[in-house]
Amino acid sequence: MNARFLLWISAPVALSAGVLWLSAQEPKGEPKAAMAEGVKVAELASQLQNREKAIAQKEAELRQLEQRLTTLQATLDKDRGDLAIREKAVQEALAKVANLKVRPEIDPQIIRTYEAMDPAAGAQAMKELAGQNLEVAVALLAGMTPKKAGKLMDQLAPLDAKLAGRLSERVGMSRPKDPAA
């Protein structure tokens, strides 16, 4: 307990004790004046007790409010932590999506090789390559001249239409890797 709290409690108690002691004393001199003064003292003592009760009730309410505030603060801290974790997950997901939109660099020799192949054989080889590494297949197809890539896709579509569609989508949605990066 701190000194201020003790002062708030002890001062009213001391005053109440003094008032009670004074009211118990035998009046000397004029009885009427003492009676009138005794009534005032008793009334003041009653008011003082009522104030003490009100102060105690206010203190209890303040303790309850402080407890609620502490609970709310803990909830806010927990929510803030959860939000930070979710924000980090979103940032990681956005970075992953951005990486999916960038296609890797491909050796120009392999691009020329696929362009020189018969479109039917090239389509079969592209199907196998896409099965192993879709990113390389996308980069290879994107690096080819449009005319030769079109002939290869004409042959790939009957073999595996879903793969042809997926390759077309990924080529259209991706961009070459920035050579400066």
N, C-alpha and C. Protein backbone atom coordinates (compact mmCIF):
# COMPACT_ATOMS: atom_id res chain seq x y z
N MET A 1 0.85 -1.18 0.00
CA MET A 1 0.00 0.00 0.00
C MET A 1 0.89 1.24 0.00
N ASN A 2 0.45 2.23 -0.73
CA ASN A 2 1.26 3.43 -0.75
C ASN A 2 0.73 4.43 0.28
N ALA A 3 1.53 5.44 0.55
CA ALA A 3 1.23 6.41 1.61
C ALA A 3 -0.03 7.20 1.30
N ARG A 4 -0.27 7.48 0.06
CA ARG A 4 -1.44 8.25 -0.32
C ARG A 4 -2.71 7.48 0.00
N PHE A 5 -2.69 6.19 -0.31
CA PHE A 5 -3.85 5.34 -0.03
C PHE A 5 -4.12 5.31 1.48
N LEU A 6 -3.06 5.14 2.27
CA LEU A 6 -3.21 5.11 3.73
C LEU A 6 -3.76 6.44 4.24
N LEU A 7 -3.32 7.55 3.65
CA LEU A 7 -3.80 8.86 4.06
C LEU A 7 -5.29 8.99 3.77
N TRP A 8 -5.72 8.54 2.63
CA TRP A 8 -7.14 8.62 2.25
C TRP A 8 -8.01 7.77 3.17
N ILE A 9 -7.48 6.69 3.63
CA ILE A 9 -8.25 5.81 4.51
C ILE A 9 -8.18 6.30 5.96
N SER A 10 -6.99 6.66 6.43
CA SER A 10 -6.83 7.00 7.84
C SER A 10 -7.43 8.36 8.20
N ALA A 11 -7.38 9.33 7.29
CA ALA A 11 -7.91 10.65 7.60
C ALA A 11 -9.41 10.60 7.90
N PRO A 12 -10.24 9.97 7.05
CA PRO A 12 -11.67 9.91 7.37
C PRO A 12 -11.95 9.10 8.63
N VAL A 13 -11.18 8.05 8.86
CA VAL A 13 -11.39 7.23 10.06
C VAL A 13 -11.08 8.06 11.31
N ALA A 14 -9.97 8.81 11.27
CA ALA A 14 -9.59 9.65 12.42
C ALA A 14 -10.64 10.73 12.66
N LEU A 15 -11.11 11.32 11.59
CA LEU A 15 -12.14 12.35 11.74
C LEU A 15 -13.42 11.75 12.30
N SER A 16 -13.79 10.58 11.82
CA SER A 16 -15.00 9.91 12.33
C SER A 16 -14.85 9.60 13.80
N ALA A 17 -13.68 9.12 14.21
CA ALA A 17 -13.46 8.80 15.61
C ALA A 17 -13.54 10.07 16.46
N GLY A 18 -12.96 11.14 15.96
CA GLY A 18 -13.01 12.41 16.69
C GLY A 18 -14.42 12.94 16.82
N VAL A 19 -15.18 12.80 15.75
CA VAL A 19 -16.57 13.27 15.78
C VAL A 19 -17.38 12.45 16.78
N LEU A 20 -17.18 11.16 16.75
CA LEU A 20 -17.91 10.30 17.69
C LEU A 20 -17.51 10.60 19.14
N TRP A 21 -16.24 10.83 19.36
CA TRP A 21 -15.78 11.13 20.71
C TRP A 21 -16.37 12.45 21.19
N LEU A 22 -16.36 13.45 20.31
CA LEU A 22 -16.93 14.74 20.68
C LEU A 22 -18.43 14.66 20.94
N SER A 23 -19.12 13.85 20.16
CA SER A 23 -20.57 13.73 20.34
C SER A 23 -20.90 12.99 21.64
N ALA A 24 -20.00 12.19 22.14
CA ALA A 24 -20.24 11.45 23.38
C ALA A 24 -19.94 12.29 24.61
N GLN A 25 -19.28 13.39 24.48
CA GLN A 25 -18.93 14.24 25.61
C GLN A 25 -20.18 14.94 26.17
N GLU A 26 -20.12 15.12 27.42
CA GLU A 26 -21.21 15.81 28.14
C GLU A 26 -21.10 17.29 27.83
N PRO A 27 -22.18 17.89 27.37
CA PRO A 27 -22.12 19.31 27.09
C PRO A 27 -22.01 20.12 28.38
N LYS A 28 -21.19 21.14 28.38
CA LYS A 28 -21.02 22.03 29.53
C LYS A 28 -21.56 23.39 29.14
N GLY A 29 -22.17 23.97 29.99
CA GLY A 29 -22.70 25.29 29.70
C GLY A 29 -24.14 25.18 29.24
N GLU A 30 -24.43 25.76 28.11
CA GLU A 30 -25.81 25.77 27.63
C GLU A 30 -26.16 24.44 26.99
N PRO A 31 -27.16 23.74 27.47
CA PRO A 31 -27.56 22.48 26.87
C PRO A 31 -28.18 22.64 25.49
N LYS A 32 -28.90 23.70 25.23
CA LYS A 32 -29.55 23.87 23.93
C LYS A 32 -28.50 24.05 22.83
N ALA A 33 -27.51 24.87 23.07
CA ALA A 33 -26.48 25.12 22.07
C ALA A 33 -25.68 23.85 21.81
N ALA A 34 -25.40 23.10 22.84
CA ALA A 34 -24.67 21.85 22.69
C ALA A 34 -25.50 20.84 21.92
N MET A 35 -26.77 20.80 22.18
CA MET A 35 -27.65 19.86 21.47
C MET A 35 -27.67 20.19 19.97
N ALA A 36 -27.79 21.45 19.68
CA ALA A 36 -27.83 21.86 18.28
C ALA A 36 -26.50 21.53 17.61
N GLU A 37 -25.40 21.74 18.32
CA GLU A 37 -24.09 21.43 17.78
C GLU A 37 -23.91 19.91 17.65
N GLY A 38 -24.43 19.15 18.60
CA GLY A 38 -24.34 17.69 18.56
C GLY A 38 -25.10 17.12 17.37
N VAL A 39 -26.21 17.70 17.04
CA VAL A 39 -26.98 17.27 15.88
C VAL A 39 -26.18 17.53 14.61
N LYS A 40 -25.54 18.66 14.54
CA LYS A 40 -24.72 18.97 13.36
C LYS A 40 -23.55 18.01 13.25
N VAL A 41 -22.93 17.68 14.35
CA VAL A 41 -21.79 16.78 14.35
C VAL A 41 -22.24 15.39 13.91
N ALA A 42 -23.36 14.94 14.40
CA ALA A 42 -23.87 13.62 14.02
C ALA A 42 -24.22 13.59 12.55
N GLU A 43 -24.78 14.68 12.10
CA GLU A 43 -25.14 14.78 10.67
C GLU A 43 -23.88 14.78 9.81
N LEU A 44 -22.86 15.51 10.25
CA LEU A 44 -21.59 15.54 9.52
C LEU A 44 -20.92 14.17 9.51
N ALA A 45 -21.01 13.47 10.64
CA ALA A 45 -20.42 12.13 10.72
C ALA A 45 -21.13 11.20 9.74
N SER A 46 -22.41 11.32 9.64
CA SER A 46 -23.19 10.50 8.71
C SER A 46 -22.79 10.81 7.27
N GLN A 47 -22.67 12.08 6.95
CA GLN A 47 -22.26 12.47 5.60
C GLN A 47 -20.86 11.95 5.28
N LEU A 48 -19.99 12.02 6.27
CA LEU A 48 -18.62 11.56 6.09
C LEU A 48 -18.59 10.06 5.82
N GLN A 49 -19.39 9.32 6.53
CA GLN A 49 -19.46 7.86 6.32
C GLN A 49 -20.01 7.55 4.92
N ASN A 50 -21.01 8.30 4.51
CA ASN A 50 -21.56 8.10 3.16
C ASN A 50 -20.52 8.38 2.09
N ARG A 51 -19.72 9.44 2.30
CA ARG A 51 -18.66 9.75 1.34
C ARG A 51 -17.60 8.66 1.30
N GLU A 52 -17.27 8.13 2.48
CA GLU A 52 -16.28 7.04 2.54
C GLU A 52 -16.78 5.84 1.74
N LYS A 53 -18.05 5.51 1.89
CA LYS A 53 -18.63 4.38 1.15
C LYS A 53 -18.59 4.66 -0.35
N ALA A 54 -18.91 5.87 -0.75
CA ALA A 54 -18.89 6.23 -2.17
C ALA A 54 -17.47 6.13 -2.74
N ILE A 55 -16.50 6.61 -1.95
CA ILE A 55 -15.09 6.54 -2.40
C ILE A 55 -14.65 5.08 -2.54
N ALA A 56 -15.02 4.25 -1.60
CA ALA A 56 -14.65 2.83 -1.68
C ALA A 56 -15.29 2.18 -2.89
N GLN A 57 -16.53 2.55 -3.18
CA GLN A 57 -17.23 2.00 -4.34
C GLN A 57 -16.55 2.47 -5.64
N LYS A 58 -16.17 3.73 -5.71
CA LYS A 58 -15.47 4.26 -6.89
C LYS A 58 -14.14 3.54 -7.09
N GLU A 59 -13.42 3.29 -6.00
CA GLU A 59 -12.14 2.57 -6.10
C GLU A 59 -12.35 1.17 -6.66
N ALA A 60 -13.40 0.51 -6.20
CA ALA A 60 -13.68 -0.84 -6.71
C ALA A 60 -14.02 -0.79 -8.20
N GLU A 61 -14.80 0.21 -8.61
CA GLU A 61 -15.14 0.36 -10.02
C GLU A 61 -13.88 0.64 -10.85
N LEU A 62 -13.00 1.48 -10.33
CA LEU A 62 -11.76 1.78 -11.05
C LEU A 62 -10.88 0.54 -11.19
N ARG A 63 -10.81 -0.29 -10.16
CA ARG A 63 -10.04 -1.54 -10.25
C ARG A 63 -10.63 -2.44 -11.33
N GLN A 64 -11.96 -2.53 -11.37
CA GLN A 64 -12.61 -3.36 -12.39
C GLN A 64 -12.31 -2.82 -13.79
N LEU A 65 -12.41 -1.51 -13.97
CA LEU A 65 -12.11 -0.91 -15.27
C LEU A 65 -10.66 -1.13 -15.67
N GLU A 66 -9.76 -1.03 -14.70
CA GLU A 66 -8.35 -1.28 -14.98
C GLU A 66 -8.12 -2.72 -15.41
N GLN A 67 -8.82 -3.64 -14.77
CA GLN A 67 -8.71 -5.05 -15.13
C GLN A 67 -9.24 -5.29 -16.56
N ARG A 68 -10.36 -4.67 -16.89
CA ARG A 68 -10.91 -4.80 -18.24
C ARG A 68 -9.96 -4.22 -19.27
N LEU A 69 -9.37 -3.07 -18.93
CA LEU A 69 -8.42 -2.44 -19.83
C LEU A 69 -7.20 -3.33 -20.07
N THR A 70 -6.72 -3.96 -19.03
CA THR A 70 -5.58 -4.88 -19.16
C THR A 70 -5.95 -6.06 -20.07
N THR A 71 -7.15 -6.59 -19.89
CA THR A 71 -7.61 -7.70 -20.73
C THR A 71 -7.72 -7.27 -22.18
N LEU A 72 -8.29 -6.10 -22.42
CA LEU A 72 -8.42 -5.60 -23.78
C LEU A 72 -7.06 -5.34 -24.41
N GLN A 73 -6.12 -4.84 -23.64
CA GLN A 73 -4.78 -4.61 -24.16
C GLN A 73 -4.12 -5.92 -24.58
N ALA A 74 -4.29 -6.94 -23.76
CA ALA A 74 -3.72 -8.26 -24.10
C ALA A 74 -4.36 -8.79 -25.38
N THR A 75 -5.67 -8.61 -25.53
CA THR A 75 -6.35 -9.06 -26.74
C THR A 75 -5.85 -8.30 -27.96
N LEU A 76 -5.68 -6.99 -27.82
CA LEU A 76 -5.15 -6.19 -28.92
C LEU A 76 -3.74 -6.62 -29.31
N ASP A 77 -2.90 -6.88 -28.32
CA ASP A 77 -1.53 -7.33 -28.61
C ASP A 77 -1.54 -8.66 -29.35
N LYS A 78 -2.41 -9.57 -28.94
CA LYS A 78 -2.51 -10.88 -29.60
C LYS A 78 -2.98 -10.70 -31.05
N ASP A 79 -4.02 -9.86 -31.23
CA ASP A 79 -4.54 -9.62 -32.58
C ASP A 79 -3.50 -8.95 -33.46
N ARG A 80 -2.72 -8.03 -32.88
CA ARG A 80 -1.67 -7.36 -33.64
C ARG A 80 -0.62 -8.38 -34.10
N GLY A 81 -0.28 -9.32 -33.23
CA GLY A 81 0.68 -10.37 -33.60
C GLY A 81 0.14 -11.26 -34.70
N ASP A 82 -1.14 -11.65 -34.57
CA ASP A 82 -1.77 -12.47 -35.61
C ASP A 82 -1.79 -11.74 -36.94
N LEU A 83 -2.10 -10.46 -36.90
CA LEU A 83 -2.14 -9.67 -38.12
C LEU A 83 -0.76 -9.57 -38.77
N ALA A 84 0.27 -9.43 -37.97
CA ALA A 84 1.63 -9.37 -38.52
C ALA A 84 2.00 -10.69 -39.19
N ILE A 85 1.59 -11.79 -38.58
CA ILE A 85 1.87 -13.11 -39.18
C ILE A 85 1.14 -13.26 -40.50
N ARG A 86 -0.12 -12.84 -40.51
CA ARG A 86 -0.90 -12.94 -41.76
C ARG A 86 -0.33 -12.02 -42.83
N GLU A 87 0.09 -10.84 -42.44
CA GLU A 87 0.66 -9.91 -43.42
C GLU A 87 1.94 -10.49 -44.03
N LYS A 88 2.74 -11.13 -43.20
CA LYS A 88 3.97 -11.76 -43.71
C LYS A 88 3.63 -12.88 -44.69
N ALA A 89 2.60 -13.67 -44.37
CA ALA A 89 2.19 -14.76 -45.27
C ALA A 89 1.70 -14.20 -46.60
N VAL A 90 0.96 -13.10 -46.55
CA VAL A 90 0.47 -12.48 -47.79
C VAL A 90 1.65 -11.96 -48.61
N GLN A 91 2.61 -11.34 -47.96
CA GLN A 91 3.78 -10.83 -48.68
C GLN A 91 4.55 -11.97 -49.35
N GLU A 92 4.68 -13.08 -48.63
CA GLU A 92 5.38 -14.24 -49.21
C GLU A 92 4.61 -14.79 -50.41
N ALA A 93 3.28 -14.85 -50.28
CA ALA A 93 2.45 -15.34 -51.39
C ALA A 93 2.56 -14.41 -52.60
N LEU A 94 2.57 -13.10 -52.35
CA LEU A 94 2.70 -12.15 -53.46
C LEU A 94 4.06 -12.29 -54.15
N ALA A 95 5.10 -12.50 -53.36
CA ALA A 95 6.43 -12.70 -53.94
C ALA A 95 6.47 -13.98 -54.77
N LYS A 96 5.80 -15.01 -54.28
CA LYS A 96 5.75 -16.28 -55.02
C LYS A 96 5.02 -16.11 -56.34
N VAL A 97 3.91 -15.38 -56.31
CA VAL A 97 3.15 -15.12 -57.54
C VAL A 97 3.98 -14.30 -58.51
N ALA A 98 4.70 -13.31 -58.00
CA ALA A 98 5.55 -12.48 -58.87
C ALA A 98 6.63 -13.34 -59.52
N ASN A 99 7.19 -14.29 -58.77
CA ASN A 99 8.21 -15.18 -59.33
C ASN A 99 7.63 -16.10 -60.40
N LEU A 100 6.37 -16.47 -60.25
CA LEU A 100 5.74 -17.33 -61.26
C LEU A 100 5.54 -16.59 -62.58
N LYS A 101 5.43 -15.27 -62.51
CA LYS A 101 5.20 -14.49 -63.72
C LYS A 101 6.48 -14.17 -64.48
N VAL A 102 7.62 -14.54 -63.93
CA VAL A 102 8.91 -14.28 -64.58
C VAL A 102 9.45 -15.62 -65.07
N ARG A 103 9.73 -15.68 -66.34
CA ARG A 103 10.27 -16.93 -66.89
C ARG A 103 11.80 -16.89 -66.91
N PRO A 104 12.41 -18.03 -66.72
CA PRO A 104 13.88 -18.05 -66.68
C PRO A 104 14.49 -17.85 -68.08
N GLU A 105 15.78 -17.49 -68.08
CA GLU A 105 16.48 -17.36 -69.36
C GLU A 105 16.79 -18.75 -69.90
N ILE A 106 16.70 -18.88 -71.21
CA ILE A 106 16.96 -20.16 -71.88
C ILE A 106 18.13 -19.96 -72.85
N ASP A 107 18.93 -20.98 -72.98
CA ASP A 107 20.05 -20.95 -73.91
C ASP A 107 19.50 -20.83 -75.34
N PRO A 108 19.96 -19.85 -76.10
CA PRO A 108 19.45 -19.68 -77.47
C PRO A 108 19.69 -20.90 -78.36
N GLN A 109 20.69 -21.69 -78.05
CA GLN A 109 20.98 -22.90 -78.85
C GLN A 109 19.81 -23.88 -78.77
N ILE A 110 19.24 -24.08 -77.58
CA ILE A 110 18.12 -25.03 -77.45
C ILE A 110 16.89 -24.48 -78.15
N ILE A 111 16.73 -23.17 -78.14
CA ILE A 111 15.59 -22.56 -78.85
C ILE A 111 15.73 -22.82 -80.35
N ARG A 112 16.90 -22.58 -80.88
CA ARG A 112 17.12 -22.82 -82.32
C ARG A 112 16.94 -24.30 -82.66
N THR A 113 17.34 -25.19 -81.74
CA THR A 113 17.19 -26.62 -81.97
C THR A 113 15.72 -26.98 -82.09
N TYR A 114 14.89 -26.51 -81.19
CA TYR A 114 13.46 -26.80 -81.24
C TYR A 114 12.81 -26.18 -82.47
N GLU A 115 13.28 -24.99 -82.88
CA GLU A 115 12.74 -24.36 -84.07
C GLU A 115 13.08 -25.16 -85.33
N ALA A 116 14.23 -25.80 -85.32
CA ALA A 116 14.67 -26.57 -86.48
C ALA A 116 14.02 -27.94 -86.55
N MET A 117 13.47 -28.43 -85.45
CA MET A 117 12.87 -29.78 -85.42
C MET A 117 11.58 -29.81 -86.25
N ASP A 118 11.23 -31.02 -86.67
CA ASP A 118 9.93 -31.24 -87.29
C ASP A 118 8.86 -30.89 -86.24
N PRO A 119 7.80 -30.15 -86.59
CA PRO A 119 6.81 -29.74 -85.60
C PRO A 119 6.19 -30.91 -84.82
N ALA A 120 5.97 -32.05 -85.48
CA ALA A 120 5.38 -33.20 -84.77
C ALA A 120 6.35 -33.74 -83.72
N ALA A 121 7.61 -33.90 -84.08
CA ALA A 121 8.61 -34.38 -83.14
C ALA A 121 8.86 -33.33 -82.05
N GLY A 122 8.87 -32.08 -82.44
CA GLY A 122 9.06 -30.99 -81.47
C GLY A 122 7.91 -30.95 -80.46
N ALA A 123 6.68 -31.22 -80.93
CA ALA A 123 5.53 -31.22 -80.04
C ALA A 123 5.65 -32.35 -79.01
N GLN A 124 6.08 -33.51 -79.48
CA GLN A 124 6.26 -34.65 -78.56
C GLN A 124 7.35 -34.34 -77.54
N ALA A 125 8.45 -33.75 -78.00
CA ALA A 125 9.55 -33.40 -77.10
C ALA A 125 9.11 -32.31 -76.11
N MET A 126 8.30 -31.35 -76.59
CA MET A 126 7.80 -30.28 -75.72
C MET A 126 6.89 -30.86 -74.65
N LYS A 127 6.08 -31.85 -75.00
CA LYS A 127 5.19 -32.50 -74.03
C LYS A 127 6.01 -33.15 -72.92
N GLU A 128 7.06 -33.85 -73.30
CA GLU A 128 7.92 -34.50 -72.31
C GLU A 128 8.65 -33.46 -71.44
N LEU A 129 9.15 -32.41 -72.10
CA LEU A 129 9.85 -31.36 -71.36
C LEU A 129 8.91 -30.68 -70.37
N ALA A 130 7.69 -30.40 -70.79
CA ALA A 130 6.72 -29.75 -69.90
C ALA A 130 6.38 -30.66 -68.72
N GLY A 131 6.39 -31.96 -68.94
CA GLY A 131 6.14 -32.90 -67.85
C GLY A 131 7.25 -32.86 -66.80
N GLN A 132 8.46 -32.59 -67.24
CA GLN A 132 9.59 -32.54 -66.32
C GLN A 132 9.76 -31.17 -65.69
N ASN A 133 9.65 -30.12 -66.50
CA ASN A 133 9.84 -28.76 -65.98
C ASN A 133 9.03 -27.79 -66.84
N LEU A 134 7.88 -27.42 -66.33
CA LEU A 134 6.97 -26.55 -67.07
C LEU A 134 7.58 -25.16 -67.30
N GLU A 135 8.35 -24.66 -66.35
CA GLU A 135 8.95 -23.33 -66.48
C GLU A 135 9.91 -23.28 -67.67
N VAL A 136 10.72 -24.31 -67.84
CA VAL A 136 11.66 -24.34 -68.96
C VAL A 136 10.89 -24.43 -70.28
N ALA A 137 9.83 -25.24 -70.31
CA ALA A 137 9.02 -25.35 -71.53
C ALA A 137 8.39 -24.01 -71.88
N VAL A 138 7.92 -23.28 -70.90
CA VAL A 138 7.32 -21.96 -71.14
C VAL A 138 8.38 -21.01 -71.70
N ALA A 139 9.55 -20.99 -71.08
CA ALA A 139 10.62 -20.10 -71.54
C ALA A 139 11.08 -20.47 -72.95
N LEU A 140 11.14 -21.75 -73.24
CA LEU A 140 11.55 -22.22 -74.57
C LEU A 140 10.53 -21.79 -75.61
N LEU A 141 9.27 -22.01 -75.35
CA LEU A 141 8.20 -21.64 -76.28
C LEU A 141 8.16 -20.12 -76.47
N ALA A 142 8.36 -19.37 -75.41
CA ALA A 142 8.33 -17.91 -75.50
C ALA A 142 9.52 -17.38 -76.30
N GLY A 143 10.64 -18.09 -76.28
CA GLY A 143 11.83 -17.64 -77.00
C GLY A 143 11.80 -17.94 -78.49
N MET A 144 10.91 -18.82 -78.90
CA MET A 144 10.83 -19.21 -80.32
C MET A 144 10.16 -18.09 -81.13
N THR A 145 10.43 -18.09 -82.43
CA THR A 145 9.72 -17.13 -83.29
C THR A 145 8.25 -17.53 -83.30
N PRO A 146 7.36 -16.57 -83.40
CA PRO A 146 5.93 -16.88 -83.35
C PRO A 146 5.48 -17.89 -84.41
N LYS A 147 6.02 -17.80 -85.59
CA LYS A 147 5.61 -18.70 -86.67
C LYS A 147 5.98 -20.15 -86.33
N LYS A 148 7.21 -20.37 -85.88
CA LYS A 148 7.67 -21.73 -85.56
C LYS A 148 6.99 -22.24 -84.29
N ALA A 149 6.76 -21.35 -83.33
CA ALA A 149 6.05 -21.75 -82.11
C ALA A 149 4.61 -22.13 -82.45
N GLY A 150 4.01 -21.43 -83.40
CA GLY A 150 2.64 -21.75 -83.82
C GLY A 150 2.56 -23.13 -84.45
N LYS A 151 3.52 -23.49 -85.30
CA LYS A 151 3.53 -24.81 -85.93
C LYS A 151 3.68 -25.90 -84.86
N LEU A 152 4.56 -25.65 -83.89
CA LEU A 152 4.77 -26.62 -82.81
C LEU A 152 3.48 -26.77 -81.98
N MET A 153 2.82 -25.67 -81.69
CA MET A 153 1.57 -25.71 -80.91
C MET A 153 0.46 -26.39 -81.70
N ASP A 154 0.46 -26.22 -83.04
CA ASP A 154 -0.53 -26.93 -83.88
C ASP A 154 -0.40 -28.44 -83.71
N GLN A 155 0.81 -28.92 -83.56
CA GLN A 155 1.05 -30.36 -83.40
C GLN A 155 0.83 -30.80 -81.94
N LEU A 156 1.06 -29.89 -80.99
CA LEU A 156 0.92 -30.23 -79.57
C LEU A 156 -0.55 -30.29 -79.15
N ALA A 157 -1.38 -29.45 -79.73
CA ALA A 157 -2.79 -29.38 -79.33
C ALA A 157 -3.51 -30.72 -79.46
N PRO A 158 -3.37 -31.46 -80.57
CA PRO A 158 -4.04 -32.77 -80.63
C PRO A 158 -3.45 -33.79 -79.65
N LEU A 159 -2.15 -33.67 -79.35
CA LEU A 159 -1.51 -34.60 -78.42
C LEU A 159 -2.00 -34.39 -76.99
N ASP A 160 -1.99 -33.14 -76.55
CA ASP A 160 -2.39 -32.81 -75.17
C ASP A 160 -2.93 -31.38 -75.16
N ALA A 161 -4.24 -31.25 -75.34
CA ALA A 161 -4.86 -29.93 -75.44
C ALA A 161 -4.72 -29.14 -74.14
N LYS A 162 -4.83 -29.82 -73.00
CA LYS A 162 -4.70 -29.12 -71.72
C LYS A 162 -3.30 -28.53 -71.56
N LEU A 163 -2.29 -29.30 -71.92
CA LEU A 163 -0.92 -28.81 -71.84
C LEU A 163 -0.71 -27.64 -72.78
N ALA A 164 -1.24 -27.73 -73.99
CA ALA A 164 -1.10 -26.63 -74.95
C ALA A 164 -1.75 -25.36 -74.39
N GLY A 165 -2.91 -25.51 -73.78
CA GLY A 165 -3.58 -24.37 -73.18
C GLY A 165 -2.80 -23.80 -72.01
N ARG A 166 -2.28 -24.68 -71.16
CA ARG A 166 -1.51 -24.23 -70.00
C ARG A 166 -0.23 -23.51 -70.44
N LEU A 167 0.45 -24.06 -71.46
CA LEU A 167 1.66 -23.41 -71.97
C LEU A 167 1.33 -22.05 -72.56
N SER A 168 0.26 -21.97 -73.32
CA SER A 168 -0.14 -20.69 -73.93
C SER A 168 -0.44 -19.65 -72.85
N GLU A 169 -1.16 -20.09 -71.82
CA GLU A 169 -1.51 -19.17 -70.73
C GLU A 169 -0.25 -18.67 -70.03
N ARG A 170 0.64 -19.58 -69.70
CA ARG A 170 1.85 -19.19 -68.95
C ARG A 170 2.77 -18.30 -69.79
N VAL A 171 2.85 -18.57 -71.10
CA VAL A 171 3.67 -17.71 -71.96
C VAL A 171 3.05 -16.31 -72.01
N GLY A 172 1.73 -16.25 -72.12
CA GLY A 172 1.05 -14.96 -72.18
C GLY A 172 1.10 -14.19 -70.88
N MET A 173 1.12 -14.88 -69.74
CA MET A 173 1.09 -14.21 -68.44
C MET A 173 2.49 -13.91 -67.89
N SER A 174 3.52 -14.47 -68.52
CA SER A 174 4.86 -14.26 -67.98
C SER A 174 5.61 -13.23 -68.82
N ARG A 175 6.71 -12.78 -68.27
CA ARG A 175 7.58 -11.85 -68.98
C ARG A 175 9.01 -12.36 -68.82
N PRO A 176 9.88 -11.98 -69.73
CA PRO A 176 11.27 -12.44 -69.61
C PRO A 176 11.91 -11.91 -68.34
N LYS A 177 12.84 -12.69 -67.83
CA LYS A 177 13.57 -12.27 -66.64
C LYS A 177 14.41 -11.05 -67.02
N ASP A 178 14.40 -10.05 -66.15
CA ASP A 178 15.12 -8.82 -66.40
C ASP A 178 16.62 -9.08 -66.38
N PRO A 179 17.33 -8.84 -67.48
CA PRO A 179 18.76 -9.14 -67.49
C PRO A 179 19.56 -8.24 -66.53
N ALA A 180 19.03 -7.08 -66.17
CA ALA A 180 19.75 -6.19 -65.26
C ALA A 180 19.70 -6.72 -63.83
N ALA A 181 18.70 -7.55 -63.51
CA ALA A 181 18.55 -8.04 -62.13
C ALA A 181 19.43 -9.15 -61.78
